[in-house]
Amino acid sequence: MLKQRMWHKAVRVVAAVAAVITAASIMTPAYAAGGVEVGSGSSVGVTGWQKVGGDSFYLDQGVPLKGDQTIQGNSYYFTEDTGVMYTGWRKLSNGKYVYYAPDGRKLYGEHKIGGSWFYLEPKTGYRHGGWAKLGNQIYKLYDERTGARLSGTHMYKGYRFWFDSKTGATDKYGWQNPPQYFQVSNRSVKFNYPSPWNYATPSRLQVNADRNQAIEQMIRRAHEYLGSRYVWDYALSPSKGVDCAGLVMQSLYATGMNLGDYNPYKHWYDPYHSHDANNMQADSRFYRAVALNQRKRGDLIFYVGHVAIYLGNNQVIEAYPPRVRIANIFDDGRIPTKVARPFL
């Protein structure tokens, strides 16, 4: 019964189009003002858009176009049976989806459709799934099943990613630490604490930075503290001072690494965090299965009540009374107790 009703509707649509064409052949040119008049005399072939009962058609010398068509630089699809202009999502024979706007134009690029954002590939218009680079250093992720753009925090292929709720841009593309460890980001760490305890080095990491680039940004920031005064339980700017754990915090903030409770405010006010070098040494959010003889540039070298950043060649940079300095890893006969790797 449904098929029969659809057949009758198709017959009525075709008949309506035929009526338009017939009328156009005997009307004056003013009748088809929305199209382009072709020919002259009593038989006029109409080329252009026509609308019948809410359905749109495009006539080429009186004949409705069907299938995929390009009109004035835009792509359209007209149904194969009646030639009605198509709108909405269309599944192709290859399983891909394309979208036609309410005015019939096939869309390309990023568009909001039905409350969600989609990326329609520039050359084909195919609905995209997975990562896409849009603009300079802007990466977005689209659901591989639905094509909808992701926002907020999501796990993808074993890694955790964050996406801006307004733009969909991620804070890190490519290399990242596994989700059980502290994450890097091109977003700067922010604190809602009174000054100066809200101080955090802004992230210097590019969104697509690799592991080595993260290590170098951390070490570069640590070098900017050379000569800064040592102040117990400080994790502030170079002009105010740091202790050993504070230097590590500010250096890691330069990679956008949010360390949670390891922050300037708690390091100063919370008695538990007054010995954060020991707390970090025991924290599983730093990868700690590193033997001393396997240490690498960028590792954290722990001692009893102390932490330093390894530079290589048995050198560390550390906040050690009275100032931040570079020293030998075994200076004054000290022995490291643990090695942790903040970047995997």
Protein backbone atom coordinates (compact mmCIF):
# COMPACT_ATOMS: atom_id res chain seq x y z
CA MET A 1 0.00 0.00 0.00
CA LEU A 2 2.85 2.39 0.92
CA LYS A 3 4.63 1.67 -2.38
CA GLN A 4 1.37 2.32 -4.25
CA ARG A 5 0.86 5.70 -2.54
CA MET A 6 4.47 6.70 -3.32
CA TRP A 7 3.93 5.72 -6.97
CA HIS A 8 0.78 7.84 -7.15
CA LYS A 9 2.66 10.79 -5.62
CA ALA A 10 5.45 10.43 -8.19
CA VAL A 11 2.85 10.38 -10.97
CA ARG A 12 1.24 13.54 -9.59
CA VAL A 13 4.64 15.32 -9.34
CA VAL A 14 5.58 14.36 -12.89
CA ALA A 15 2.18 15.51 -14.08
CA ALA A 16 2.62 18.82 -12.27
CA VAL A 17 6.02 19.36 -13.85
CA ALA A 18 4.57 18.51 -17.23
CA ALA A 19 1.87 21.08 -16.62
CA VAL A 20 4.48 23.72 -15.86
CA ILE A 21 6.38 22.84 -19.02
CA THR A 22 3.20 22.91 -21.12
CA ALA A 23 2.13 26.21 -19.62
CA ALA A 24 5.58 27.65 -20.18
CA SER A 25 5.38 26.81 -23.86
CA ILE A 26 2.35 29.01 -24.37
CA MET A 27 2.89 31.77 -21.80
CA THR A 28 4.67 35.04 -22.36
CA PRO A 29 8.31 35.38 -21.19
CA ALA A 30 7.07 37.10 -18.00
CA TYR A 31 5.70 33.71 -16.78
CA ALA A 32 9.15 32.20 -16.23
CA ALA A 33 10.78 35.27 -14.77
CA GLY A 34 12.73 33.05 -12.36
CA GLY A 35 14.41 31.21 -15.25
CA VAL A 36 16.13 31.97 -18.53
CA GLU A 37 14.02 32.03 -21.67
CA VAL A 38 15.35 29.86 -24.48
CA GLY A 39 13.89 30.04 -27.97
CA SER A 40 11.16 32.32 -29.26
CA GLY A 41 7.74 32.28 -30.76
CA SER A 42 4.77 30.31 -29.45
CA SER A 43 6.96 27.39 -28.30
CA VAL A 44 9.25 28.58 -25.48
CA GLY A 45 11.75 26.18 -23.83
CA VAL A 46 12.23 27.11 -20.15
CA THR A 47 15.64 26.85 -18.49
CA GLY A 48 15.88 27.59 -14.77
CA TRP A 49 14.37 26.88 -11.39
CA GLN A 50 10.71 26.02 -11.02
CA LYS A 51 8.72 25.18 -7.90
CA VAL A 52 5.69 22.91 -7.82
CA GLY A 53 3.79 22.20 -4.59
CA GLY A 54 6.80 22.89 -2.41
CA ASP A 55 9.21 20.82 -4.54
CA SER A 56 11.98 22.47 -6.54
CA PHE A 57 13.11 21.44 -10.02
CA TYR A 58 15.63 22.73 -12.50
CA LEU A 59 14.52 22.72 -16.12
CA ASP A 60 16.89 22.59 -19.06
CA GLN A 61 14.89 23.75 -22.09
CA GLY A 62 11.77 22.41 -20.48
CA VAL A 63 13.27 19.09 -19.29
CA PRO A 64 13.85 18.57 -15.51
CA LEU A 65 17.42 17.65 -14.61
CA LYS A 66 18.10 14.44 -12.68
CA GLY A 67 21.01 13.00 -10.72
CA ASP A 68 24.15 14.96 -9.79
CA GLN A 69 24.31 18.36 -11.44
CA THR A 70 26.44 21.50 -11.26
CA ILE A 71 24.50 24.76 -11.58
CA GLN A 72 26.27 28.12 -11.44
CA GLY A 73 29.22 26.55 -9.63
CA ASN A 74 27.19 24.70 -6.98
CA SER A 75 26.53 20.96 -6.78
CA TYR A 76 22.99 19.63 -6.51
CA TYR A 77 21.27 16.27 -6.60
CA PHE A 78 17.90 15.73 -8.25
CA THR A 79 16.05 12.47 -7.68
CA GLU A 80 16.36 9.98 -10.50
CA ASP A 81 12.62 9.31 -10.76
CA THR A 82 10.99 12.75 -10.58
CA GLY A 83 13.86 15.25 -10.68
CA VAL A 84 12.92 16.80 -7.32
CA MET A 85 15.79 18.75 -5.76
CA TYR A 86 17.23 16.78 -2.83
CA THR A 87 17.95 18.21 0.64
CA GLY A 88 19.46 16.68 3.79
CA TRP A 89 21.82 13.74 4.31
CA ARG A 90 22.32 11.36 1.39
CA LYS A 91 24.08 8.00 1.60
CA LEU A 92 26.07 7.21 -1.53
CA SER A 93 26.65 3.80 -3.07
CA ASN A 94 30.18 3.75 -1.58
CA GLY A 95 28.77 4.10 1.93
CA LYS A 96 29.82 7.74 2.30
CA TYR A 97 27.45 10.51 3.38
CA VAL A 98 27.06 13.96 1.84
CA TYR A 99 24.77 16.80 2.83
CA TYR A 100 22.56 19.14 0.82
CA ALA A 101 21.44 22.40 2.43
CA PRO A 102 17.78 23.50 2.47
CA ASP A 103 18.45 25.44 -0.75
CA GLY A 104 19.80 22.24 -2.33
CA ARG A 105 23.48 23.16 -2.44
CA LYS A 106 25.93 20.41 -1.53
CA LEU A 107 27.97 21.61 1.43
CA TYR A 108 31.73 21.47 1.96
CA GLY A 109 33.85 22.36 4.98
CA GLU A 110 32.65 22.68 8.58
CA HIS A 111 28.94 23.27 9.19
CA LYS A 112 26.47 23.06 12.05
CA ILE A 113 23.68 20.67 11.09
CA GLY A 114 20.86 19.71 13.44
CA GLY A 115 22.67 20.91 16.56
CA SER A 116 26.03 19.24 15.84
CA TRP A 117 29.09 20.31 13.89
CA PHE A 118 30.30 18.25 10.95
CA TYR A 119 33.28 18.46 8.62
CA LEU A 120 32.46 17.79 4.96
CA GLU A 121 35.63 17.12 3.01
CA PRO A 122 36.64 19.97 0.67
CA LYS A 123 36.92 17.99 -2.56
CA THR A 124 34.17 15.39 -2.19
CA GLY A 125 31.82 16.72 0.46
CA TYR A 126 32.09 13.36 2.25
CA ARG A 127 31.19 13.47 5.95
CA HIS A 128 34.51 13.16 7.78
CA GLY A 129 35.32 10.91 10.71
CA GLY A 130 38.54 11.07 12.75
CA TRP A 131 41.14 13.81 13.04
CA ALA A 132 41.06 16.85 10.77
CA LYS A 133 43.39 19.84 10.57
CA LEU A 134 41.49 23.07 9.97
CA GLY A 135 43.60 26.17 9.63
CA ASN A 136 47.00 26.76 11.19
CA GLN A 137 47.73 24.35 14.07
CA ILE A 138 44.04 23.66 14.73
CA TYR A 139 43.12 20.01 15.11
CA LYS A 140 39.62 18.67 15.67
CA LEU A 141 38.20 15.18 16.08
CA TYR A 142 34.97 13.96 14.52
CA ASP A 143 33.15 10.84 15.65
CA GLU A 144 34.06 8.03 13.27
CA ARG A 145 30.52 6.61 13.33
CA THR A 146 28.28 9.71 13.32
CA GLY A 147 30.70 12.38 12.06
CA ALA A 148 29.72 14.78 14.87
CA ARG A 149 32.49 17.00 16.21
CA LEU A 150 33.66 16.14 19.72
CA SER A 151 33.87 18.55 22.65
CA GLY A 152 34.98 18.11 26.25
CA THR A 153 37.16 15.20 27.37
CA HIS A 154 37.19 11.94 25.39
CA MET A 155 39.22 8.77 25.18
CA TYR A 156 40.38 8.02 21.63
CA LYS A 157 42.50 5.02 20.69
CA GLY A 158 43.76 4.62 24.24
CA TYR A 159 44.60 8.27 24.90
CA ARG A 160 42.70 11.06 26.64
CA PHE A 161 42.01 14.27 24.73
CA TRP A 162 40.31 17.54 25.55
CA PHE A 163 38.33 19.57 22.99
CA ASP A 164 37.12 23.15 23.34
CA SER A 165 33.33 23.28 23.76
CA LYS A 166 32.98 26.28 21.42
CA THR A 167 35.48 25.57 18.65
CA GLY A 168 36.18 21.84 18.97
CA ALA A 169 39.94 22.51 18.85
CA THR A 170 42.04 20.07 20.86
CA ASP A 171 44.80 21.12 23.24
CA LYS A 172 47.13 18.34 22.08
CA TYR A 173 47.46 16.42 18.83
CA GLY A 174 49.86 13.58 18.17
CA TRP A 175 52.24 12.49 20.92
CA GLN A 176 50.79 12.44 24.43
CA ASN A 177 51.46 10.67 27.72
CA PRO A 178 49.30 7.61 28.45
CA PRO A 179 46.11 8.61 30.33
CA GLN A 180 47.24 7.34 33.75
CA TYR A 181 50.06 9.90 33.83
CA PHE A 182 50.10 13.69 33.90
CA GLN A 183 49.19 15.10 30.49
CA VAL A 184 50.84 17.83 28.41
CA SER A 185 48.84 20.56 26.70
CA ASN A 186 49.08 23.79 24.75
CA ARG A 187 46.58 25.20 27.27
CA SER A 188 48.13 27.09 30.16
CA VAL A 189 47.50 25.92 33.71
CA LYS A 190 45.24 28.32 35.63
CA PHE A 191 44.59 28.70 39.37
CA ASN A 192 41.79 30.45 41.22
CA TYR A 193 44.03 31.49 44.10
CA PRO A 194 45.06 34.94 45.37
CA SER A 195 48.27 36.46 44.04
CA PRO A 196 51.11 35.52 44.10
CA TRP A 197 50.02 31.94 44.78
CA ASN A 198 48.17 31.73 41.46
CA TYR A 199 51.38 32.01 39.44
CA ALA A 200 51.92 29.38 36.73
CA THR A 201 54.30 29.53 33.80
CA PRO A 202 52.19 29.73 30.60
CA SER A 203 52.33 26.73 28.30
CA ARG A 204 54.89 27.06 25.52
CA LEU A 205 53.97 23.82 23.84
CA GLN A 206 52.70 23.68 20.28
CA VAL A 207 49.56 21.60 19.87
CA ASN A 208 51.45 19.03 17.76
CA ALA A 209 54.68 19.02 19.80
CA ASP A 210 56.54 15.74 20.20
CA ARG A 211 58.18 14.33 23.33
CA ASN A 212 61.59 15.93 22.73
CA GLN A 213 60.02 19.34 22.24
CA ALA A 214 58.19 18.98 25.56
CA ILE A 215 61.43 18.05 27.32
CA GLU A 216 63.25 21.05 25.87
CA GLN A 217 60.50 23.47 26.87
CA MET A 218 60.66 22.17 30.45
CA ILE A 219 64.45 22.53 30.58
CA ARG A 220 64.38 25.93 28.90
CA ARG A 221 62.05 27.20 31.61
CA ALA A 222 64.23 25.71 34.35
CA HIS A 223 67.26 27.55 32.93
CA GLU A 224 65.35 30.84 33.24
CA TYR A 225 65.40 30.30 37.02
CA LEU A 226 69.19 30.01 37.24
CA GLY A 227 70.36 32.33 40.01
CA SER A 228 66.87 32.75 41.48
CA ARG A 229 66.84 32.54 45.24
CA TYR A 230 65.90 29.37 47.06
CA VAL A 231 62.86 29.82 49.32
CA TRP A 232 61.42 26.83 51.16
CA ASP A 233 57.92 25.92 49.90
CA TYR A 234 57.92 28.63 47.22
CA ALA A 235 56.83 27.80 43.66
CA LEU A 236 56.68 31.32 42.28
CA SER A 237 58.22 33.45 39.54
CA PRO A 238 62.01 33.74 39.04
CA SER A 239 61.99 37.12 40.78
CA LYS A 240 60.33 35.72 43.92
CA GLY A 241 61.95 32.31 44.22
CA VAL A 242 61.34 28.57 44.38
CA ASP A 243 62.39 25.48 46.25
CA CYS A 244 63.31 22.20 44.55
CA ALA A 245 59.72 20.99 44.01
CA GLY A 246 58.62 24.51 43.05
CA LEU A 247 61.22 24.61 40.26
CA VAL A 248 59.91 21.29 38.93
CA MET A 249 56.30 22.56 39.04
CA GLN A 250 57.00 25.76 37.13
CA SER A 251 59.15 23.93 34.57
CA LEU A 252 56.40 21.38 33.91
CA TYR A 253 53.76 24.11 33.69
CA ALA A 254 55.69 25.35 30.64
CA THR A 255 54.47 22.18 28.89
CA GLY A 256 50.86 22.77 29.98
CA MET A 257 51.09 19.93 32.50
CA ASN A 258 48.41 20.36 35.16
CA LEU A 259 49.81 18.77 38.33
CA GLY A 260 46.62 19.04 40.37
CA ASP A 261 47.41 19.47 44.07
CA TYR A 262 51.03 20.22 43.28
CA ASN A 263 50.61 23.97 42.96
CA PRO A 264 52.06 27.16 44.49
CA TYR A 265 49.17 27.75 46.88
CA LYS A 266 49.08 24.30 48.46
CA HIS A 267 52.85 24.03 48.44
CA TRP A 268 52.95 27.06 50.74
CA TYR A 269 49.78 26.67 52.84
CA ASP A 270 49.10 22.93 53.09
CA PRO A 271 51.39 21.10 55.55
CA TYR A 272 51.07 17.90 53.52
CA HIS A 273 52.52 19.68 50.49
CA SER A 274 55.42 21.26 52.37
CA HIS A 275 57.50 18.21 51.40
CA ASP A 276 56.36 17.79 47.79
CA ALA A 277 59.70 16.37 46.66
CA ASN A 278 58.89 13.26 48.68
CA ASN A 279 55.25 13.31 47.57
CA MET A 280 56.23 13.44 43.90
CA GLN A 281 58.70 10.60 44.39
CA ALA A 282 55.84 8.37 45.60
CA ASP A 283 53.25 9.55 43.05
CA SER A 284 52.28 6.95 40.44
CA ARG A 285 51.17 9.71 38.06
CA PHE A 286 54.85 10.07 37.27
CA TYR A 287 56.35 7.06 35.48
CA ARG A 288 58.84 5.74 38.04
CA ALA A 289 60.05 2.42 36.60
CA VAL A 290 63.34 3.95 35.47
CA ALA A 291 66.67 2.59 36.68
CA LEU A 292 69.32 5.14 37.60
CA ASN A 293 71.64 3.86 34.87
CA GLN A 294 68.79 4.36 32.35
CA ARG A 295 68.29 8.05 33.18
CA LYS A 296 67.69 10.42 30.27
CA ARG A 297 67.53 14.14 29.68
CA GLY A 298 64.29 15.49 31.13
CA ASP A 299 63.96 12.86 33.88
CA LEU A 300 63.34 13.83 37.50
CA ILE A 301 66.12 12.75 39.87
CA PHE A 302 64.93 12.24 43.45
CA TYR A 303 66.93 12.22 46.64
CA VAL A 304 65.76 12.10 50.25
CA GLY A 305 63.68 15.28 50.55
CA HIS A 306 64.93 16.70 47.26
CA VAL A 307 64.24 16.62 43.49
CA ALA A 308 66.22 17.87 40.48
CA ILE A 309 65.85 17.90 36.68
CA TYR A 310 68.34 15.80 34.73
CA LEU A 311 70.14 17.57 31.87
CA GLY A 312 72.41 14.75 30.70
CA ASN A 313 76.14 14.11 31.20
CA ASN A 314 75.56 13.65 34.95
CA GLN A 315 74.33 17.24 35.27
CA VAL A 316 71.13 18.39 36.99
CA ILE A 317 69.45 21.77 37.35
CA GLU A 318 68.01 22.24 40.81
CA ALA A 319 66.84 24.70 43.43
CA TYR A 320 69.39 24.15 46.19
CA PRO A 321 70.21 26.66 48.93
CA PRO A 322 70.95 29.45 48.38
CA ARG A 323 70.00 29.60 44.64
CA VAL A 324 68.96 27.67 41.55
CA ARG A 325 72.07 26.08 40.06
CA ILE A 326 73.50 23.40 37.76
CA ALA A 327 75.42 20.68 39.61
CA ASN A 328 76.67 17.12 39.34
CA ILE A 329 74.09 14.45 40.01
CA PHE A 330 76.36 13.01 42.73
CA ASP A 331 77.46 16.37 44.17
CA ASP A 332 78.74 16.14 47.78
CA GLY A 333 78.42 12.36 47.67
CA ARG A 334 74.63 12.35 47.51
CA ILE A 335 72.92 9.26 46.09
CA PRO A 336 69.67 9.42 44.06
CA THR A 337 66.82 7.35 45.48
CA LYS A 338 64.48 7.32 42.48
CA VAL A 339 64.23 8.36 38.83
CA ALA A 340 60.88 9.41 37.32
CA ARG A 341 60.06 10.19 33.71
CA PRO A 342 57.42 12.93 33.21
CA PHE A 343 57.38 12.50 29.41
CA LEU A 344 56.92 9.01 27.94
